Protein backbone atom coordinates (compact mmCIF):
# COMPACT_ATOMS: atom_id res chain seq x y z
CA UNK A 1 -0.06 -0.16 -0.10
CA UNK A 2 3.11 2.15 0.50
CA UNK A 3 3.81 2.17 -3.01
CA UNK A 4 0.12 2.80 -3.85
CA UNK A 5 0.55 6.18 -1.86
CA UNK A 6 3.78 6.91 -3.38
CA UNK A 7 2.22 6.40 -6.88
CA UNK A 8 -0.64 8.59 -5.99
CA UNK A 9 1.72 11.27 -4.60
CA UNK A 10 3.87 10.93 -7.90
CA UNK A 11 0.66 11.24 -10.06
CA UNK A 12 -0.53 14.30 -8.02
CA UNK A 13 2.93 16.02 -8.02
CA UNK A 14 3.09 15.27 -11.50
CA UNK A 15 -0.42 16.81 -12.22
CA UNK A 16 0.62 19.84 -10.13
CA UNK A 17 3.95 20.34 -11.77
CA UNK A 18 2.26 19.70 -15.16
CA UNK A 19 -0.53 22.15 -14.32
CA UNK A 20 2.07 24.88 -13.45
CA UNK A 21 4.11 24.27 -16.31
CA UNK A 22 1.06 24.51 -18.51
CA UNK A 23 0.09 27.65 -16.67
CA UNK A 24 3.50 29.08 -17.20
CA UNK A 25 3.52 28.04 -20.71
CA UNK A 26 0.15 29.45 -21.22
CA UNK A 27 1.02 32.94 -19.83
CA UNK A 28 4.26 33.04 -21.74
CA UNK A 29 2.55 32.12 -25.33
CA UNK A 30 -0.42 34.55 -24.18
CA UNK A 31 2.23 37.15 -23.38
CA UNK A 32 4.09 36.56 -26.78
CA UNK A 33 0.88 36.55 -28.66
CA UNK A 34 -0.32 40.01 -27.14
CA UNK A 35 3.24 41.23 -27.68
CA UNK A 36 3.16 40.32 -31.34
CA UNK A 37 -0.36 41.54 -31.82
CA UNK A 38 0.53 45.05 -30.10
CA UNK A 39 3.36 45.17 -32.54
CA UNK A 40 1.36 44.46 -35.31
CA UNK A 41 -1.48 46.95 -34.37
CA UNK A 42 1.50 49.73 -33.89
CA UNK A 43 2.73 48.93 -37.30
CA UNK A 44 -0.69 48.90 -39.02
CA UNK A 45 -1.66 52.34 -37.28
CA UNK A 46 1.78 53.79 -38.49
CA UNK A 47 1.11 52.78 -41.86
CA UNK A 48 -2.37 54.15 -41.81
CA UNK A 49 -1.22 57.41 -40.36
CA UNK A 50 1.33 57.53 -43.09
CA UNK A 51 -1.14 56.92 -45.89
CA UNK A 52 -3.67 59.26 -44.41
CA UNK A 53 -1.20 61.98 -43.80
CA UNK A 54 -0.03 61.37 -47.57
CA UNK A 55 -3.60 61.52 -48.87
CA UNK A 56 -4.22 64.84 -47.03
CA UNK A 57 -1.08 66.22 -48.61
CA UNK A 58 -2.09 64.99 -51.79
CA UNK A 59 -5.65 66.39 -51.36
CA UNK A 60 -4.32 69.59 -50.19
CA UNK A 61 -1.86 69.97 -53.26
CA UNK A 62 -4.82 69.41 -55.56
CA UNK A 63 -7.26 71.82 -53.67
CA UNK A 64 -4.94 74.64 -52.98
CA UNK A 65 -4.83 75.73 -56.64
CA UNK A 66 -8.51 75.66 -57.03
CA UNK A 67 -8.89 77.83 -53.64
CA UNK A 68 -6.49 80.10 -54.73
CA UNK A 69 -8.19 80.56 -58.20
CA UNK A 70 -11.58 80.82 -56.50
CA UNK A 71 -10.26 83.61 -54.23
CA UNK A 72 -8.59 85.40 -57.07
CA UNK A 73 -11.80 85.24 -58.93
CA UNK A 74 -13.59 86.50 -55.96
CA UNK A 75 -11.39 89.36 -55.53
CA UNK A 76 -11.62 90.29 -59.14
CA UNK A 77 -15.26 90.08 -59.27
CA UNK A 78 -15.52 92.42 -56.13
CA UNK A 79 -13.07 94.99 -57.90
CA UNK A 80 -14.64 95.02 -61.24
CA UNK A 81 -18.42 95.21 -59.74
CA UNK A 82 -17.32 98.03 -57.56
CA UNK A 83 -16.05 99.91 -60.64
CA UNK A 84 -19.36 99.05 -62.58
CA UNK A 85 -21.61 99.84 -59.72
CA UNK A 86 -19.83 103.34 -59.28
CA UNK A 87 -20.19 103.96 -62.99
CA UNK A 88 -23.75 102.84 -62.99
CA UNK A 89 -24.48 105.04 -59.98
CA UNK A 90 -22.89 108.01 -61.59
CA UNK A 91 -24.58 107.65 -64.77
CA UNK A 92 -27.91 107.34 -62.87
CA UNK A 93 -27.50 110.48 -60.99
CA UNK A 94 -26.35 112.11 -64.05
CA UNK A 95 -29.82 111.15 -65.64
CA UNK A 96 -31.63 112.22 -62.68
CA UNK A 97 -29.96 115.76 -62.80
CA UNK A 98 -30.60 116.59 -66.50
CA UNK A 99 -32.62 119.45 -66.95
CA UNK A 100 -33.37 118.95 -70.75
CA UNK A 101 -34.56 122.54 -71.71
CA UNK A 102 -31.64 124.10 -70.10
CA UNK A 103 -29.32 122.32 -72.62
CA UNK A 104 -26.54 122.68 -69.70
CA UNK A 105 -25.26 119.49 -68.86
CA UNK A 106 -21.94 117.88 -68.77
CA UNK A 107 -21.90 115.69 -71.75
CA UNK A 108 -18.28 115.23 -71.96
CA UNK A 109 -18.09 113.80 -68.54
CA UNK A 110 -21.04 111.51 -69.32
CA UNK A 111 -19.39 110.37 -72.45
CA UNK A 112 -16.43 109.50 -70.59
CA UNK A 113 -18.05 107.29 -67.96
CA UNK A 114 -20.05 105.49 -70.94
CA UNK A 115 -16.67 104.65 -72.49
CA UNK A 116 -15.13 103.33 -69.04
CA UNK A 117 -18.29 101.26 -68.64
CA UNK A 118 -17.54 100.00 -72.27
CA UNK A 119 -14.18 99.03 -71.60
CA UNK A 120 -15.01 97.22 -68.51
CA UNK A 121 -17.74 95.17 -70.42
CA UNK A 122 -15.16 94.40 -73.33
CA UNK A 123 -12.43 93.12 -70.96
CA UNK A 124 -14.43 91.49 -68.20
CA UNK A 125 -14.10 87.98 -68.08
CA UNK A 126 -16.43 88.05 -64.64
CA UNK A 127 -19.19 89.48 -66.31
CA UNK A 128 -19.00 86.65 -68.89
CA UNK A 129 -18.83 84.02 -66.26
CA UNK A 130 -21.56 85.31 -64.29
CA UNK A 131 -23.81 85.72 -67.51
CA UNK A 132 -24.32 89.57 -66.51
CA UNK A 133 -22.44 90.73 -69.57
CA UNK A 134 -25.62 91.16 -71.78
CA UNK A 135 -27.63 93.05 -69.00
CA UNK A 136 -24.87 95.51 -68.27
CA UNK A 137 -24.21 95.93 -72.33
CA UNK A 138 -27.80 96.95 -72.90
CA UNK A 139 -27.60 99.46 -70.21
CA UNK A 140 -24.53 100.82 -71.79
CA UNK A 141 -26.37 100.99 -75.20
CA UNK A 142 -29.24 102.98 -73.36
CA UNK A 143 -26.71 105.41 -72.12
CA UNK A 144 -25.14 106.10 -75.61
CA UNK A 145 -28.63 106.66 -76.84
CA UNK A 146 -29.22 109.12 -74.10
CA UNK A 147 -26.02 110.64 -74.94
CA UNK A 148 -26.58 110.66 -78.62
CA UNK A 149 -29.87 112.32 -78.27
CA UNK A 150 -28.72 114.81 -75.80
CA UNK A 151 -26.20 116.04 -78.41
CA UNK A 152 -28.47 116.23 -81.23
CA UNK A 153 -31.00 117.93 -78.83
CA UNK A 154 -28.71 120.92 -78.07
CA UNK A 155 -28.28 121.45 -81.65
CA UNK A 156 -32.02 121.38 -82.77
CA UNK A 157 -34.36 124.17 -82.96
CA UNK A 158 -37.01 124.48 -80.74
CA UNK A 159 -39.66 123.36 -83.28
CA UNK A 160 -37.85 120.13 -84.17
CA UNK A 161 -36.89 119.43 -80.59
CA UNK A 162 -39.96 118.21 -78.81
CA UNK A 163 -40.07 114.63 -80.39
CA UNK A 164 -36.36 114.47 -79.56
CA UNK A 165 -37.01 115.68 -75.89
CA UNK A 166 -39.88 113.12 -75.49
CA UNK A 167 -37.32 110.17 -76.44
CA UNK A 168 -34.73 111.29 -74.11
CA UNK A 169 -37.25 111.67 -71.21
CA UNK A 170 -38.68 108.11 -72.00
CA UNK A 171 -34.94 106.91 -71.91
CA UNK A 172 -34.30 108.76 -68.65
CA UNK A 173 -37.30 107.27 -67.10
CA UNK A 174 -36.27 103.57 -67.58
CA UNK A 175 -32.56 104.42 -65.88
CA UNK A 176 -33.27 104.09 -62.22
CA UNK A 177 -35.13 100.51 -62.77
CA UNK A 178 -32.39 99.50 -65.16
CA UNK A 179 -29.67 100.28 -62.36
CA UNK A 180 -31.82 98.50 -59.87
CA UNK A 181 -32.12 95.58 -61.90
CA UNK A 182 -28.23 95.20 -62.44
CA UNK A 183 -27.40 96.12 -58.99
CA UNK A 184 -29.83 93.38 -57.39
CA UNK A 185 -28.27 90.83 -59.84
CA UNK A 186 -24.59 91.83 -59.04
CA UNK A 187 -25.39 91.75 -55.19
CA UNK A 188 -27.13 88.24 -55.69
CA UNK A 189 -24.06 86.81 -57.49
CA UNK A 190 -21.82 88.21 -54.68
CA UNK A 191 -23.90 86.94 -52.17
CA UNK A 192 -24.18 83.56 -53.78
CA UNK A 193 -20.52 83.23 -54.42
CA UNK A 194 -19.48 84.36 -50.95
CA UNK A 195 -21.50 81.22 -49.57
CA UNK A 196 -19.72 78.94 -51.75
CA UNK A 197 -16.27 80.35 -51.14
């Protein structure tokens, strides 16, 4: 029976040692797996960070010229619209102050402003982009009609001037509404473009 107890002690001791060795192995293997897993995660995070930074830099490189172009166009739009609006307001005021019968008005300054407006229209890519060139062009043509009619009116005798005076008055009556339409259109374009950019 002594052998029996010795065998049982050896079996129990072997089981305990085997369990302890298994537990140690298990912890070592789990630790190694965790270490490998953490290393792999760190490597993947580094690769992801690098590819994300690379994608962001590439996107910034693609978008930067577009943003700069949009900014330049916006600045040019504001600059041109300020000039156009200045001339429109000045010509509108001139038309409002004309006393046709006096034949005493500054037709030369009026002509110069129309020429400035014409130059702006002819050289404006912004008006073309914004589809407002035609509207401003029609306004400019109406100003030329007023200018030419005023020049003719100055030289006419009183008997021949009534019809011309009526034509001038009809043209002048339309000017404030034409100005308002152009100004509203340009304001809308500026507002819409400022929201986009």
